[in-house]
Amino acid sequence: MNATLLYRERLALAENRFVEMVVWQVKVPAKGSNHPFKYRLALVVDGHCVLRYDNETGKGDHRHAAGGERPYQFVDPQRLLEDFWRDVDAWR
């Protein structure tokens, strides 16, 4: 992937949980997305991913939560982080 890393952070929230957030700027949008960003943001608890936002190639922008997957309306990287943290706070 020909990309520029914009943001990478891994934060421990408690002994058994952490968040990992990575956002890249890409020259060509990922298949299924219409913006120049590739991302994955995850909340992991006891070794299991319980919340994830990503734009996997071919699937486009979406989020995984409560055992399901739903489309996500990407606006910009700042809004992505805000939406993710809102869902992390709601999960807690």
N, C-alpha and C. Protein backbone atom coordinates (compact mmCIF):
# COMPACT_ATOMS: atom_id res chain seq x y z
N MET A 1 0.86 -1.18 0.00
CA MET A 1 0.00 0.00 0.00
C MET A 1 0.90 1.23 0.00
N ASN A 2 0.73 2.10 -0.96
CA ASN A 2 1.48 3.34 -1.04
C ASN A 2 0.71 4.38 -0.23
N ALA A 3 1.16 4.63 1.01
CA ALA A 3 0.39 5.47 1.92
C ALA A 3 1.30 6.26 2.85
N THR A 4 0.73 7.32 3.42
CA THR A 4 1.41 8.13 4.42
C THR A 4 0.68 7.95 5.74
N LEU A 5 1.40 7.52 6.76
CA LEU A 5 0.80 7.34 8.07
C LEU A 5 0.45 8.70 8.66
N LEU A 6 -0.82 8.90 9.01
CA LEU A 6 -1.27 10.15 9.62
C LEU A 6 -1.39 10.05 11.13
N TYR A 7 -1.79 8.87 11.60
CA TYR A 7 -2.09 8.73 13.03
C TYR A 7 -1.95 7.28 13.43
N ARG A 8 -1.24 7.04 14.51
CA ARG A 8 -1.15 5.69 15.08
C ARG A 8 -1.02 5.83 16.58
N GLU A 9 -1.91 5.14 17.28
CA GLU A 9 -1.87 5.19 18.74
C GLU A 9 -2.47 3.91 19.30
N ARG A 10 -1.86 3.45 20.37
CA ARG A 10 -2.39 2.31 21.12
C ARG A 10 -2.42 2.74 22.58
N LEU A 11 -3.62 2.70 23.15
CA LEU A 11 -3.81 3.17 24.52
C LEU A 11 -4.40 2.06 25.38
N ALA A 12 -3.78 1.82 26.52
CA ALA A 12 -4.34 0.89 27.49
C ALA A 12 -5.43 1.63 28.26
N LEU A 13 -6.62 1.05 28.30
CA LEU A 13 -7.73 1.65 29.03
C LEU A 13 -7.87 1.03 30.41
N ALA A 14 -7.45 -0.20 30.53
CA ALA A 14 -7.48 -0.96 31.78
C ALA A 14 -6.57 -2.15 31.58
N GLU A 15 -6.40 -2.94 32.61
CA GLU A 15 -5.50 -4.08 32.51
C GLU A 15 -5.89 -5.04 31.39
N ASN A 16 -7.18 -5.15 31.12
CA ASN A 16 -7.67 -6.13 30.14
C ASN A 16 -8.23 -5.52 28.87
N ARG A 17 -8.01 -4.22 28.65
CA ARG A 17 -8.57 -3.60 27.44
C ARG A 17 -7.69 -2.48 26.92
N PHE A 18 -7.73 -2.34 25.59
CA PHE A 18 -6.97 -1.28 24.94
C PHE A 18 -7.67 -0.88 23.65
N VAL A 19 -7.30 0.30 23.15
CA VAL A 19 -7.75 0.73 21.83
C VAL A 19 -6.51 0.87 20.96
N GLU A 20 -6.68 0.56 19.68
CA GLU A 20 -5.63 0.77 18.70
C GLU A 20 -6.26 1.50 17.53
N MET A 21 -5.61 2.60 17.12
CA MET A 21 -6.15 3.44 16.05
C MET A 21 -5.05 3.75 15.06
N VAL A 22 -5.32 3.49 13.78
CA VAL A 22 -4.36 3.74 12.71
C VAL A 22 -5.11 4.36 11.53
N VAL A 23 -4.57 5.48 11.02
CA VAL A 23 -5.16 6.15 9.85
C VAL A 23 -4.03 6.51 8.89
N TRP A 24 -4.20 6.13 7.63
CA TRP A 24 -3.24 6.47 6.59
C TRP A 24 -3.93 7.34 5.54
N GLN A 25 -3.16 8.16 4.85
CA GLN A 25 -3.65 8.84 3.65
C GLN A 25 -3.10 8.06 2.47
N VAL A 26 -3.98 7.70 1.54
CA VAL A 26 -3.58 6.88 0.39
C VAL A 26 -3.76 7.69 -0.90
N LYS A 27 -3.03 7.28 -1.92
CA LYS A 27 -3.14 7.98 -3.21
C LYS A 27 -4.40 7.56 -3.96
N VAL A 28 -4.80 6.32 -3.79
CA VAL A 28 -5.99 5.79 -4.45
C VAL A 28 -6.92 5.25 -3.36
N PRO A 29 -8.19 5.69 -3.33
CA PRO A 29 -9.10 5.20 -2.30
C PRO A 29 -9.20 3.67 -2.30
N ALA A 30 -9.39 3.12 -1.11
CA ALA A 30 -9.62 1.68 -0.99
C ALA A 30 -10.90 1.34 -1.75
N LYS A 31 -10.93 0.20 -2.40
CA LYS A 31 -12.11 -0.22 -3.15
C LYS A 31 -13.31 -0.23 -2.21
N GLY A 32 -14.36 0.48 -2.60
CA GLY A 32 -15.56 0.58 -1.77
C GLY A 32 -15.64 1.89 -0.99
N SER A 33 -14.55 2.66 -0.95
CA SER A 33 -14.52 3.96 -0.27
C SER A 33 -14.31 5.04 -1.32
N ASN A 34 -14.76 6.26 -1.01
CA ASN A 34 -14.60 7.36 -1.98
C ASN A 34 -13.78 8.52 -1.40
N HIS A 35 -12.81 8.19 -0.53
CA HIS A 35 -11.97 9.20 0.09
C HIS A 35 -10.54 8.66 0.16
N PRO A 36 -9.55 9.55 0.35
CA PRO A 36 -8.15 9.12 0.32
C PRO A 36 -7.60 8.67 1.67
N PHE A 37 -8.40 7.92 2.45
CA PHE A 37 -7.94 7.45 3.75
C PHE A 37 -8.19 5.96 3.90
N LYS A 38 -7.28 5.31 4.58
CA LYS A 38 -7.41 3.89 4.94
C LYS A 38 -7.26 3.86 6.45
N TYR A 39 -8.14 3.13 7.15
CA TYR A 39 -8.11 3.18 8.61
C TYR A 39 -8.58 1.88 9.24
N ARG A 40 -8.16 1.74 10.51
CA ARG A 40 -8.70 0.68 11.37
C ARG A 40 -8.61 1.21 12.80
N LEU A 41 -9.71 1.12 13.49
CA LEU A 41 -9.78 1.54 14.88
C LEU A 41 -10.47 0.42 15.63
N ALA A 42 -9.89 -0.02 16.73
CA ALA A 42 -10.45 -1.18 17.42
C ALA A 42 -10.38 -1.01 18.93
N LEU A 43 -11.41 -1.54 19.59
CA LEU A 43 -11.44 -1.70 21.04
C LEU A 43 -11.33 -3.19 21.30
N VAL A 44 -10.30 -3.57 22.06
CA VAL A 44 -10.04 -4.98 22.36
C VAL A 44 -10.18 -5.18 23.87
N VAL A 45 -11.01 -6.17 24.25
CA VAL A 45 -11.25 -6.49 25.65
C VAL A 45 -11.00 -7.97 25.85
N ASP A 46 -10.17 -8.31 26.83
CA ASP A 46 -9.84 -9.71 27.12
C ASP A 46 -9.42 -10.46 25.87
N GLY A 47 -8.67 -9.79 24.99
CA GLY A 47 -8.16 -10.43 23.77
C GLY A 47 -9.15 -10.54 22.63
N HIS A 48 -10.36 -9.98 22.79
CA HIS A 48 -11.39 -10.04 21.75
C HIS A 48 -11.74 -8.64 21.27
N CYS A 49 -11.82 -8.48 19.97
CA CYS A 49 -12.22 -7.20 19.39
C CYS A 49 -13.73 -7.05 19.57
N VAL A 50 -14.14 -6.05 20.35
CA VAL A 50 -15.57 -5.85 20.61
C VAL A 50 -16.15 -4.68 19.82
N LEU A 51 -15.28 -3.85 19.24
CA LEU A 51 -15.71 -2.71 18.43
C LEU A 51 -14.61 -2.42 17.43
N ARG A 52 -14.98 -2.27 16.15
CA ARG A 52 -13.98 -1.95 15.14
C ARG A 52 -14.60 -1.11 14.03
N TYR A 53 -13.89 -0.08 13.64
CA TYR A 53 -14.22 0.72 12.47
C TYR A 53 -13.11 0.45 11.46
N ASP A 54 -13.46 0.18 10.21
CA ASP A 54 -12.43 0.00 9.19
C ASP A 54 -13.04 0.16 7.80
N ASN A 55 -12.17 0.24 6.82
CA ASN A 55 -12.62 0.29 5.43
C ASN A 55 -11.82 -0.75 4.64
N GLU A 56 -12.06 -1.97 5.01
CA GLU A 56 -11.44 -3.12 4.35
C GLU A 56 -11.71 -3.06 2.85
N THR A 57 -10.70 -3.35 2.06
CA THR A 57 -10.83 -3.31 0.61
C THR A 57 -12.01 -4.16 0.16
N GLY A 58 -12.89 -3.55 -0.63
CA GLY A 58 -14.06 -4.25 -1.16
C GLY A 58 -15.30 -4.08 -0.32
N LYS A 59 -15.14 -3.80 0.97
CA LYS A 59 -16.30 -3.64 1.86
C LYS A 59 -16.65 -2.18 2.08
N GLY A 60 -15.71 -1.29 1.86
CA GLY A 60 -15.96 0.12 2.11
C GLY A 60 -15.98 0.43 3.60
N ASP A 61 -16.47 1.61 3.93
CA ASP A 61 -16.50 2.08 5.31
C ASP A 61 -17.59 1.37 6.10
N HIS A 62 -17.19 0.79 7.24
CA HIS A 62 -18.16 0.08 8.07
C HIS A 62 -17.63 -0.05 9.49
N ARG A 63 -18.53 -0.47 10.38
CA ARG A 63 -18.16 -0.69 11.78
C ARG A 63 -18.71 -2.04 12.23
N HIS A 64 -17.96 -2.66 13.11
CA HIS A 64 -18.35 -3.94 13.71
C HIS A 64 -18.65 -3.68 15.18
N ALA A 65 -19.80 -4.13 15.65
CA ALA A 65 -20.15 -3.99 17.07
C ALA A 65 -21.27 -4.97 17.38
N ALA A 66 -21.26 -5.47 18.60
CA ALA A 66 -22.32 -6.37 19.08
C ALA A 66 -22.54 -7.54 18.13
N GLY A 67 -21.46 -8.06 17.58
CA GLY A 67 -21.57 -9.23 16.72
C GLY A 67 -22.07 -8.95 15.32
N GLY A 68 -22.27 -7.68 14.97
CA GLY A 68 -22.78 -7.36 13.64
C GLY A 68 -21.91 -6.34 12.93
N GLU A 69 -22.24 -6.11 11.68
CA GLU A 69 -21.50 -5.16 10.85
C GLU A 69 -22.51 -4.22 10.20
N ARG A 70 -22.20 -2.90 10.25
CA ARG A 70 -23.08 -1.90 9.63
C ARG A 70 -22.25 -0.91 8.84
N PRO A 71 -22.82 -0.34 7.78
CA PRO A 71 -22.10 0.69 7.04
C PRO A 71 -21.80 1.89 7.95
N TYR A 72 -20.73 2.58 7.64
CA TYR A 72 -20.34 3.78 8.37
C TYR A 72 -20.20 4.92 7.37
N GLN A 73 -20.79 6.06 7.69
CA GLN A 73 -20.71 7.24 6.82
C GLN A 73 -19.46 8.04 7.18
N PHE A 74 -18.38 7.83 6.42
CA PHE A 74 -17.12 8.53 6.67
C PHE A 74 -17.25 9.98 6.24
N VAL A 75 -16.83 10.91 7.12
CA VAL A 75 -16.85 12.34 6.81
C VAL A 75 -15.40 12.84 6.66
N ASP A 76 -14.61 12.64 7.70
CA ASP A 76 -13.19 13.00 7.68
C ASP A 76 -12.52 12.29 8.86
N PRO A 77 -11.17 12.29 8.91
CA PRO A 77 -10.48 11.57 9.99
C PRO A 77 -10.86 12.06 11.39
N GLN A 78 -11.03 13.35 11.57
CA GLN A 78 -11.40 13.87 12.89
C GLN A 78 -12.75 13.32 13.33
N ARG A 79 -13.72 13.34 12.45
CA ARG A 79 -15.05 12.82 12.78
C ARG A 79 -14.99 11.32 13.05
N LEU A 80 -14.16 10.61 12.30
CA LEU A 80 -13.98 9.17 12.52
C LEU A 80 -13.54 8.90 13.96
N LEU A 81 -12.51 9.64 14.42
CA LEU A 81 -12.03 9.46 15.78
C LEU A 81 -13.09 9.83 16.81
N GLU A 82 -13.83 10.91 16.56
CA GLU A 82 -14.90 11.31 17.47
C GLU A 82 -15.98 10.24 17.57
N ASP A 83 -16.40 9.71 16.43
CA ASP A 83 -17.43 8.66 16.41
C ASP A 83 -16.95 7.40 17.12
N PHE A 84 -15.69 7.02 16.88
CA PHE A 84 -15.14 5.84 17.51
C PHE A 84 -15.12 6.02 19.04
N TRP A 85 -14.60 7.15 19.52
CA TRP A 85 -14.54 7.36 20.97
C TRP A 85 -15.92 7.45 21.59
N ARG A 86 -16.89 7.99 20.88
CA ARG A 86 -18.26 8.01 21.39
C ARG A 86 -18.75 6.57 21.60
N ASP A 87 -18.47 5.69 20.65
CA ASP A 87 -18.88 4.28 20.78
C ASP A 87 -18.09 3.56 21.87
N VAL A 88 -16.81 3.89 22.02
CA VAL A 88 -16.01 3.30 23.12
C VAL A 88 -16.61 3.71 24.45
N ASP A 89 -16.93 4.99 24.61
CA ASP A 89 -17.52 5.47 25.86
C ASP A 89 -18.86 4.81 26.12
N ALA A 90 -19.68 4.63 25.09
CA ALA A 90 -20.97 3.96 25.25
C ALA A 90 -20.78 2.50 25.64
N TRP A 91 -19.76 1.85 25.08
CA TRP A 91 -19.51 0.45 25.41
C TRP A 91 -19.12 0.30 26.88
N ARG A 92 -18.33 1.27 27.39
CA ARG A 92 -17.88 1.21 28.78
C ARG A 92 -19.04 1.42 29.70
